[in-house]
C-alpha atoms as a PDB file:
ATOM      1  CA  MET A   1      -0.426   0.154   0.049  1.00  0.00           C
ATOM      2  CA  LEU A   2       1.468   3.593  -0.722  1.00  0.00           C
ATOM      3  CA  LYS A   3       2.596   5.727   1.889  1.00  0.00           C
ATOM      4  CA  LYS A   4       0.223   8.571   2.203  1.00  0.00           C
ATOM      5  CA  GLU A   5       3.421  11.255   1.184  1.00  0.00           C
ATOM      6  CA  TRP A   6       3.601   9.598  -2.119  1.00  0.00           C
ATOM      7  CA  ILE A   7      -0.314  10.134  -3.126  1.00  0.00           C
ATOM      8  CA  LEU A   8       0.064  13.783  -4.031  1.00  0.00           C
ATOM      9  CA  PRO A   9       2.705  13.509  -5.991  1.00  0.00           C
ATOM     10  CA  LEU A  10       1.985  10.706  -7.693  1.00  0.00           C
ATOM     11  CA  THR A  11      -1.653  11.989  -8.531  1.00  0.00           C
ATOM     12  CA  ILE A  12       0.324  15.460 -10.167  1.00  0.00           C
ATOM     13  CA  THR A  13       2.487  13.113 -12.541  1.00  0.00           C
ATOM     14  CA  MET A  14      -0.540  11.387 -13.674  1.00  0.00           C
ATOM     15  CA  PHE A  15      -2.011  14.293 -14.269  1.00  0.00           C
ATOM     16  CA  LEU A  16       0.524  15.623 -16.308  1.00  0.00           C
ATOM     17  CA  LEU A  17       1.413  12.572 -17.985  1.00  0.00           C
ATOM     18  CA  GLY A  18      -2.422  12.672 -18.826  1.00  0.00           C
ATOM     19  CA  LEU A  19      -2.536  16.055 -20.149  1.00  0.00           C
ATOM     20  CA  LEU A  20       0.509  14.979 -22.385  1.00  0.00           C
ATOM     21  CA  LEU A  21      -0.932  12.620 -24.231  1.00  0.00           C
ATOM     22  CA  SER A  22      -4.120  13.690 -24.680  1.00  0.00           C
ATOM     23  CA  ASN A  23      -1.740  16.284 -26.128  1.00  0.00           C
ATOM     24  CA  GLN A  24      -0.046  14.040 -28.556  1.00  0.00           C
ATOM     25  CA  PHE A  25      -3.382  12.323 -29.065  1.00  0.00           C
ATOM     26  CA  GLN A  26      -4.793  15.395 -30.513  1.00  0.00           C
ATOM     27  CA  ILE A  27      -1.776  16.838 -32.767  1.00  0.00           C
ATOM     28  CA  GLN A  28      -1.598  13.520 -34.119  1.00  0.00           C
ATOM     29  CA  THR A  29      -5.260  13.068 -35.021  1.00  0.00           C
ATOM     30  CA  ARG A  30      -5.164  15.937 -36.456  1.00  0.00           C
ATOM     31  CA  ILE A  31      -1.970  14.970 -38.739  1.00  0.00           C
ATOM     32  CA  THR A  32      -4.042  12.051 -40.343  1.00  0.00           C
ATOM     33  CA  SER A  33      -6.692  14.522 -41.807  1.00  0.00           C
ATOM     34  CA  ASP A  34      -3.983  16.273 -43.081  1.00  0.00           C
ATOM     35  CA  LEU A  35      -3.928  16.713 -47.639  1.00  0.00           C
ATOM     36  CA  THR A  36      -4.938  13.339 -47.792  1.00  0.00           C
ATOM     37  CA  MET A  37      -7.803  13.519 -45.941  1.00  0.00           C
ATOM     38  CA  GLN A  38      -8.958  16.801 -46.211  1.00  0.00           C
ATOM     39  CA  LYS A  39     -12.544  17.446 -47.578  1.00  0.00           C
ATOM     40  CA  THR A  40     -12.789  18.090 -51.090  1.00  0.00           C
ATOM     41  CA  GLU A  41     -13.679  21.955 -50.627  1.00  0.00           C
ATOM     42  CA  HIS A  42     -10.433  22.911 -48.307  1.00  0.00           C
ATOM     43  CA  LEU A  43      -8.151  20.614 -50.847  1.00  0.00           C
ATOM     44  CA  ILE A  44     -10.122  23.200 -53.706  1.00  0.00           C
ATOM     45  CA  ALA A  45      -9.266  26.452 -51.388  1.00  0.00           C
ATOM     46  CA  MET A  46      -6.256  25.685 -50.758  1.00  0.00           C
ATOM     47  CA  VAL A  47      -5.123  25.092 -54.103  1.00  0.00           C
ATOM     48  CA  LYS A  48      -6.746  28.425 -55.096  1.00  0.00           C
ATOM     49  CA  ASP A  49      -4.816  30.173 -52.696  1.00  0.00           C
ATOM     50  CA  LEU A  50      -1.913  28.948 -54.305  1.00  0.00           C
ATOM     51  CA  LYS A  51      -3.516  29.784 -57.983  1.00  0.00           C
ATOM     52  CA  ASP A  52      -4.086  32.911 -56.909  1.00  0.00           C
ATOM     53  CA  LYS A  53      -0.402  33.897 -55.745  1.00  0.00           C
ATOM     54  CA  ARG A  54       0.919  32.337 -58.783  1.00  0.00           C
ATOM     55  CA  ASP A  55      -1.501  34.509 -60.428  1.00  0.00           C
ATOM     56  CA  SER A  56       0.082  37.673 -58.857  1.00  0.00           C
ATOM     57  CA  LEU A  57       3.753  36.444 -59.539  1.00  0.00           C
ATOM     58  CA  ASP A  58       2.772  36.155 -63.515  1.00  0.00           C
ATOM     59  CA  GLN A  59       1.064  39.555 -63.474  1.00  0.00           C
ATOM     60  CA  GLU A  60       3.629  41.017 -61.659  1.00  0.00           C
ATOM     61  CA  ILE A  61       6.489  39.541 -64.654  1.00  0.00           C
ATOM     62  CA  TYR A  62       3.782  40.421 -67.359  1.00  0.00           C
ATOM     63  CA  SER A  63       3.984  43.903 -66.145  1.00  0.00           C
ATOM     64  CA  ILE A  64       8.315  44.563 -65.695  1.00  0.00           C
ATOM     65  CA  GLU A  65       8.279  42.563 -69.601  1.00  0.00           C
ATOM     66  CA  GLU A  66       5.617  45.598 -70.086  1.00  0.00           C
ATOM     67  CA  LYS A  67       7.896  48.406 -68.728  1.00  0.00           C
ATOM     68  CA  VAL A  68      11.271  46.438 -70.578  1.00  0.00           C
ATOM     69  CA  ASN A  69       9.118  47.220 -73.704  1.00  0.00           C
ATOM     70  CA  GLU A  70       8.522  50.973 -72.680  1.00  0.00           C
ATOM     71  CA  ILE A  71      12.128  51.475 -71.736  1.00  0.00           C
ATOM     72  CA  GLN A  72      13.151  49.998 -74.537  1.00  0.00           C
ATOM     73  CA  TYR A  73      11.349  52.028 -77.194  1.00  0.00           C
ATOM     74  CA  SER A  74      10.748  54.998 -75.113  1.00  0.00           C
ATOM     75  CA  GLY A  75      13.975  57.009 -76.109  1.00  0.00           C
ATOM     76  CA  LEU A  76      14.500  57.903 -72.442  1.00  0.00           C
ATOM     77  CA  ASP A  77      17.812  58.817 -71.386  1.00  0.00           C
ATOM     78  CA  THR A  78      20.770  56.489 -70.247  1.00  0.00           C
ATOM     79  CA  ASP A  79      20.321  57.523 -66.629  1.00  0.00           C
ATOM     80  CA  LYS A  80      16.161  57.094 -66.307  1.00  0.00           C
ATOM     81  CA  ILE A  81      16.301  53.849 -67.722  1.00  0.00           C
ATOM     82  CA  ILE A  82      19.328  52.343 -65.178  1.00  0.00           C
ATOM     83  CA  SER A  83      16.992  54.438 -62.235  1.00  0.00           C
ATOM     84  CA  ASN A  84      14.006  52.416 -63.579  1.00  0.00           C
ATOM     85  CA  LEU A  85      16.097  49.418 -64.365  1.00  0.00           C
ATOM     86  CA  LYS A  86      17.012  49.126 -60.562  1.00  0.00           C
ATOM     87  CA  SER A  87      13.563  49.795 -59.082  1.00  0.00           C
ATOM     88  CA  GLU A  88      12.042  47.020 -60.672  1.00  0.00           C
ATOM     89  CA  LYS A  89      15.042  44.997 -59.436  1.00  0.00           C
ATOM     90  CA  GLN A  90      14.454  46.016 -56.017  1.00  0.00           C
ATOM     91  CA  LYS A  91      10.939  45.033 -56.455  1.00  0.00           C
ATOM     92  CA  LEU A  92      11.725  41.357 -58.094  1.00  0.00           C
ATOM     93  CA  GLN A  93      14.312  41.200 -54.549  1.00  0.00           C
ATOM     94  CA  ILE A  94      11.440  42.126 -52.519  1.00  0.00           C
ATOM     95  CA  ILE A  95       9.205  38.977 -54.088  1.00  0.00           C
ATOM     96  CA  ASN A  96      12.474  36.530 -54.431  1.00  0.00           C
ATOM     97  CA  GLY A  97      12.930  37.039 -51.344  1.00  0.00           C
ATOM     98  CA  GLU A  98      16.542  38.131 -51.616  1.00  0.00           C
ATOM     99  CA  SER A  99      16.784  40.921 -49.420  1.00  0.00           C
ATOM    100  CA  SER A 100      16.141  41.994 -45.848  1.00  0.00           C
ATOM    101  CA  LEU A 101      13.592  44.390 -44.769  1.00  0.00           C
ATOM    102  CA  THR A 102      12.193  45.882 -41.192  1.00  0.00           C
ATOM    103  CA  GLY A 103       8.866  48.070 -41.695  1.00  0.00           C
ATOM    104  CA  PRO A 104       5.126  48.210 -39.293  1.00  0.00           C
ATOM    105  CA  GLY A 105       3.606  44.701 -39.078  1.00  0.00           C
ATOM    106  CA  ILE A 106       3.050  42.258 -36.588  1.00  0.00           C
ATOM    107  CA  LYS A 107       4.500  39.478 -34.649  1.00  0.00           C
ATOM    108  CA  ILE A 108       2.325  35.842 -34.264  1.00  0.00           C
ATOM    109  CA  VAL A 109       3.870  33.627 -31.469  1.00  0.00           C
ATOM    110  CA  ILE A 110       2.658  29.953 -30.817  1.00  0.00           C
ATOM    111  CA  GLU A 111       3.585  28.336 -27.839  1.00  0.00           C
ATOM    112  CA  GLN A 112       4.728  24.129 -27.593  1.00  0.00           C
ATOM    113  CA  ASP A 113       2.154  23.400 -25.713  1.00  0.00           C
ATOM    114  CA  SER A 114      -0.473  24.762 -29.064  1.00  0.00           C
ATOM    115  CA  PRO A 115      -1.733  21.519 -30.803  1.00  0.00           C
ATOM    116  CA  ILE A 116      -0.287  23.000 -33.778  1.00  0.00           C
ATOM    117  CA  ILE A 117       0.372  21.024 -37.269  1.00  0.00           C
ATOM    118  CA  TYR A 118       1.746  22.464 -40.154  1.00  0.00           C
ATOM    119  CA  VAL A 119      -1.438  22.899 -42.036  1.00  0.00           C
ATOM    120  CA  ASP A 120      -2.301  25.990 -39.541  1.00  0.00           C
ATOM    121  CA  ILE A 121       0.943  27.474 -40.366  1.00  0.00           C
ATOM    122  CA  ILE A 122       0.429  27.199 -44.525  1.00  0.00           C
ATOM    123  CA  ARG A 123      -3.343  28.674 -43.677  1.00  0.00           C
ATOM    124  CA  ILE A 124      -1.710  31.090 -41.006  1.00  0.00           C
ATOM    125  CA  ILE A 125       0.264  32.474 -43.875  1.00  0.00           C
ATOM    126  CA  ASN A 126      -2.257  32.559 -47.127  1.00  0.00           C
ATOM    127  CA  GLU A 127      -4.424  34.634 -44.516  1.00  0.00           C
ATOM    128  CA  LEU A 128      -1.372  37.027 -44.276  1.00  0.00           C
ATOM    129  CA  TRP A 129      -0.706  37.028 -48.102  1.00  0.00           C
ATOM    130  CA  ALA A 130      -4.034  37.354 -48.000  1.00  0.00           C
ATOM    131  CA  ALA A 131      -4.342  40.807 -45.876  1.00  0.00           C
ATOM    132  CA  GLY A 132      -1.475  42.454 -48.105  1.00  0.00           C
ATOM    133  CA  ALA A 133       1.874  41.261 -45.847  1.00  0.00           C
ATOM    134  CA  GLU A 134       4.361  42.562 -47.749  1.00  0.00           C
ATOM    135  CA  ALA A 135       7.263  40.042 -46.214  1.00  0.00           C
ATOM    136  CA  ILE A 136       7.019  37.127 -43.835  1.00  0.00           C
ATOM    137  CA  SER A 137       9.073  34.875 -41.681  1.00  0.00           C
ATOM    138  CA  ILE A 138       8.867  31.703 -39.641  1.00  0.00           C
ATOM    139  CA  ASN A 139      11.600  31.720 -36.907  1.00  0.00           C
ATOM    140  CA  GLY A 140      14.104  33.605 -39.043  1.00  0.00           C
ATOM    141  CA  HIS A 141      12.811  31.671 -42.373  1.00  0.00           C
ATOM    142  CA  ARG A 142      11.759  34.137 -45.540  1.00  0.00           C
ATOM    143  CA  VAL A 143       8.868  32.725 -46.299  1.00  0.00           C
ATOM    144  CA  THR A 144       8.206  32.868 -50.523  1.00  0.00           C
ATOM    145  CA  PHE A 145       6.612  31.183 -53.507  1.00  0.00           C
ATOM    146  CA  GLY A 146       9.065  28.448 -53.358  1.00  0.00           C
ATOM    147  CA  THR A 147       8.649  27.799 -49.387  1.00  0.00           C
ATOM    148  CA  THR A 148       7.650  24.086 -48.154  1.00  0.00           C
ATOM    149  CA  ILE A 149       6.052  24.216 -44.999  1.00  0.00           C
ATOM    150  CA  PHE A 150       5.642  20.229 -43.739  1.00  0.00           C
ATOM    151  CA  TYR A 151       6.048  18.465 -40.335  1.00  0.00           C
ATOM    152  CA  SER A 152       8.703  15.903 -39.270  1.00  0.00           C
ATOM    153  CA  GLU A 153       8.906  13.771 -35.914  1.00  0.00           C
ATOM    154  CA  LYS A 154      11.278  12.514 -33.749  1.00  0.00           C
ATOM    155  CA  ASP A 155      11.588  11.850 -30.233  1.00  0.00           C
ATOM    156  CA  PHE A 156       7.517  11.032 -30.207  1.00  0.00           C
ATOM    157  CA  ASN A 157       7.662  14.574 -31.432  1.00  0.00           C
ATOM    158  CA  THR A 158       6.016  16.000 -33.781  1.00  0.00           C
ATOM    159  CA  PHE A 159       7.587  19.468 -35.150  1.00  0.00           C
ATOM    160  CA  VAL A 160       7.173  21.895 -38.049  1.00  0.00           C
ATOM    161  CA  THR A 161       9.582  22.046 -40.706  1.00  0.00           C
ATOM    162  CA  VAL A 162      10.238  25.246 -42.920  1.00  0.00           C
ATOM    163  CA  ASN A 163      12.332  23.598 -45.948  1.00  0.00           C
ATOM    164  CA  ASP A 164      13.233  20.883 -44.816  1.00  0.00           C
ATOM    165  CA  SER A 165      14.441  22.675 -41.722  1.00  0.00           C
ATOM    166  CA  LEU A 166      12.851  21.811 -38.346  1.00  0.00           C
ATOM    167  CA  VAL A 167      12.388  25.102 -36.219  1.00  0.00           C
ATOM    168  CA  THR A 168      11.237  24.858 -33.043  1.00  0.00           C
ATOM    169  CA  TYR A 169       9.218  26.632 -30.238  1.00  0.00           C
ATOM    170  CA  PRO A 170       8.428  28.990 -29.687  1.00  0.00           C
ATOM    171  CA  LEU A 171       7.014  29.535 -33.690  1.00  0.00           C
ATOM    172  CA  ILE A 172       7.429  33.212 -34.327  1.00  0.00           C
ATOM    173  CA  ILE A 173       5.757  34.383 -37.940  1.00  0.00           C
ATOM    174  CA  ASN A 174       6.599  37.627 -38.399  1.00  0.00           C
ATOM    175  CA  ALA A 175       4.688  39.778 -40.978  1.00  0.00           C
ATOM    176  CA  ILE A 176       5.470  43.549 -42.502  1.00  0.00           C
ATOM    177  CA  GLY A 177       2.458  45.161 -43.728  1.00  0.00           C
ATOM    178  CA  ASN A 178      -0.111  47.216 -42.009  1.00  0.00           C
ATOM    179  CA  SER A 179      -0.456  45.953 -38.328  1.00  0.00           C
ATOM    180  CA  GLN A 180      -4.192  46.791 -37.923  1.00  0.00           C
ATOM    181  CA  THR A 181      -4.867  45.139 -41.409  1.00  0.00           C
ATOM    182  CA  LEU A 182      -3.096  42.493 -40.523  1.00  0.00           C
ATOM    183  CA  GLU A 183      -4.379  41.140 -37.309  1.00  0.00           C
ATOM    184  CA  LYS A 184      -7.890  41.767 -38.435  1.00  0.00           C
ATOM    185  CA  GLY A 185      -7.143  38.954 -41.654  1.00  0.00           C
ATOM    186  CA  LEU A 186      -6.165  36.650 -38.882  1.00  0.00           C
ATOM    187  CA  THR A 187      -8.828  37.511 -36.062  1.00  0.00           C
ATOM    188  CA  LEU A 188     -12.210  37.756 -38.602  1.00  0.00           C
ATOM    189  CA  PRO A 189     -15.283  35.808 -37.181  1.00  0.00           C
ATOM    190  CA  GLY A 190     -15.357  32.335 -37.906  1.00  0.00           C
ATOM    191  CA  GLY A 191     -11.304  32.638 -39.368  1.00  0.00           C
ATOM    192  CA  ILE A 192      -8.136  31.228 -38.538  1.00  0.00           C
ATOM    193  CA  ILE A 193      -7.644  32.344 -34.855  1.00  0.00           C
ATOM    194  CA  ASP A 194     -11.536  31.270 -34.219  1.00  0.00           C
ATOM    195  CA  ASN A 195     -10.564  27.715 -35.725  1.00  0.00           C
ATOM    196  CA  LEU A 196      -7.356  27.626 -34.371  1.00  0.00           C
ATOM    197  CA  ALA A 197      -9.471  27.711 -30.428  1.00  0.00           C
ATOM    198  CA  LEU A 198     -11.518  25.161 -31.488  1.00  0.00           C
ATOM    199  CA  PHE A 199      -8.676  22.774 -31.131  1.00  0.00           C
ATOM    200  CA  HIS A 200      -7.259  24.531 -27.530  1.00  0.00           C
ATOM    201  CA  ALA A 201      -4.684  25.916 -29.727  1.00  0.00           C
ATOM    202  CA  TYR A 202      -4.382  30.030 -29.071  1.00  0.00           C
ATOM    203  CA  PRO A 203      -1.705  31.908 -31.073  1.00  0.00           C
ATOM    204  CA  TYR A 204      -1.187  35.772 -29.576  1.00  0.00           C
ATOM    205  CA  ILE A 205      -0.720  38.647 -32.567  1.00  0.00           C
ATOM    206  CA  VAL A 206       1.454  41.858 -31.118  1.00  0.00           C
ATOM    207  CA  GLN A 207       1.392  44.710 -33.400  1.00  0.00           C
ATOM    208  CA  GLU A 208       4.925  46.438 -33.512  1.00  0.00           C
ATOM    209  CA  GLU A 209       6.267  49.597 -34.708  1.00  0.00           C
ATOM    210  CA  GLU A 210       9.069  47.905 -36.322  1.00  0.00           C
ATOM    211  CA  ILE A 211       9.495  43.843 -37.389  1.00  0.00           C
ATOM    212  CA  TYR A 212      12.693  42.696 -39.351  1.00  0.00           C
ATOM    213  CA  VAL A 213      12.212  39.828 -42.169  1.00  0.00           C
ATOM    214  CA  PRO A 214      15.525  38.476 -43.277  1.00  0.00           C
ATOM    215  CA  ALA A 215      16.282  37.404 -46.746  1.00  0.00           C
ATOM    216  CA  THR A 216      16.003  33.808 -48.066  1.00  0.00           C
ATOM    217  CA  LYS A 217      18.629  31.699 -47.109  1.00  0.00           C
ATOM    218  CA  GLN A 218      17.732  29.535 -50.667  1.00  0.00           C
ATOM    219  CA  GLN A 219      18.739  31.277 -53.954  1.00  0.00           C
ATOM    220  CA  PRO A 220      15.325  30.939 -57.021  1.00  0.00           C
ATOM    221  CA  THR A 221      15.881  28.652 -58.883  1.00  0.00           C
ATOM    222  CA  LYS A 222      15.456  29.047 -62.604  1.00  0.00           C
ATOM    223  CA  ASN A 223      15.413  26.669 -63.763  1.00  0.00           C
ATOM    224  CA  ARG A 224      13.440  27.684 -67.359  1.00  0.00           C
ATOM    225  CA  ALA A 225      14.801  30.960 -67.288  1.00  0.00           C
ATOM    226  CA  LYS A 226      16.773  32.124 -70.109  1.00  0.00           C
ATOM    227  CA  GLU A 227      19.381  35.004 -70.609  1.00  0.00           C
ATOM    228  CA  THR A 228      18.148  37.700 -73.653  1.00  0.00           C
ATOM    229  CA  LYS A 229      19.661  40.547 -74.650  1.00  0.00           C
ATOM    230  CA  LEU A 230      17.740  43.587 -75.548  1.00  0.00           C
ATOM    231  CA  GLU A 231      18.171  44.366 -78.990  1.00  0.00           C
ATOM    232  CA  GLU A 232      19.824  47.699 -79.711  1.00  0.00           C
END
């Protein structure tokens, strides 16, 4: 028979173990409903988000091509041409994540005890883009059109990965843009934050006057790009 002095510590230990197992079960249960088990409408929504992002980039490329043609045939002086090209190059560097940025925005902090999976992170990122974010990073990893967000299991724990790199808690998502608009995009009734609350996950959002987003550590691939020269 257990001594009385062991009853309280044992009870506390079993209680904490129960919480841990419950949290782990909840995470594993949600992972089994990832992309392979998502409802059709959810998959359609995720594909639409990716398509919208790709269309936006295609439109940006088209706009730049139009401006190149305009510069080519406008008879502008050399200094003006160089200035315009530098401006377009800077825009492309921002899109590709090649340059670090600072500006107003929000910080989203996700603590370790939050039962959040990688799909939730993707949805948060998509909501930020939709709300007008100019640049985003996760734990120092710049998010671009080529970023891969997934998960990995290690020592019976589940972790989020960014470009195959494991990111540890707390997860900190930095987003540059209009801080009020970005926060509203996440906290709309029935939105991503409300949905996470159903699973007892409560990320907190902080508006800041200056957010830092680093440059990407991966250079953009140019598998189909070919160098061309403007006709003189």
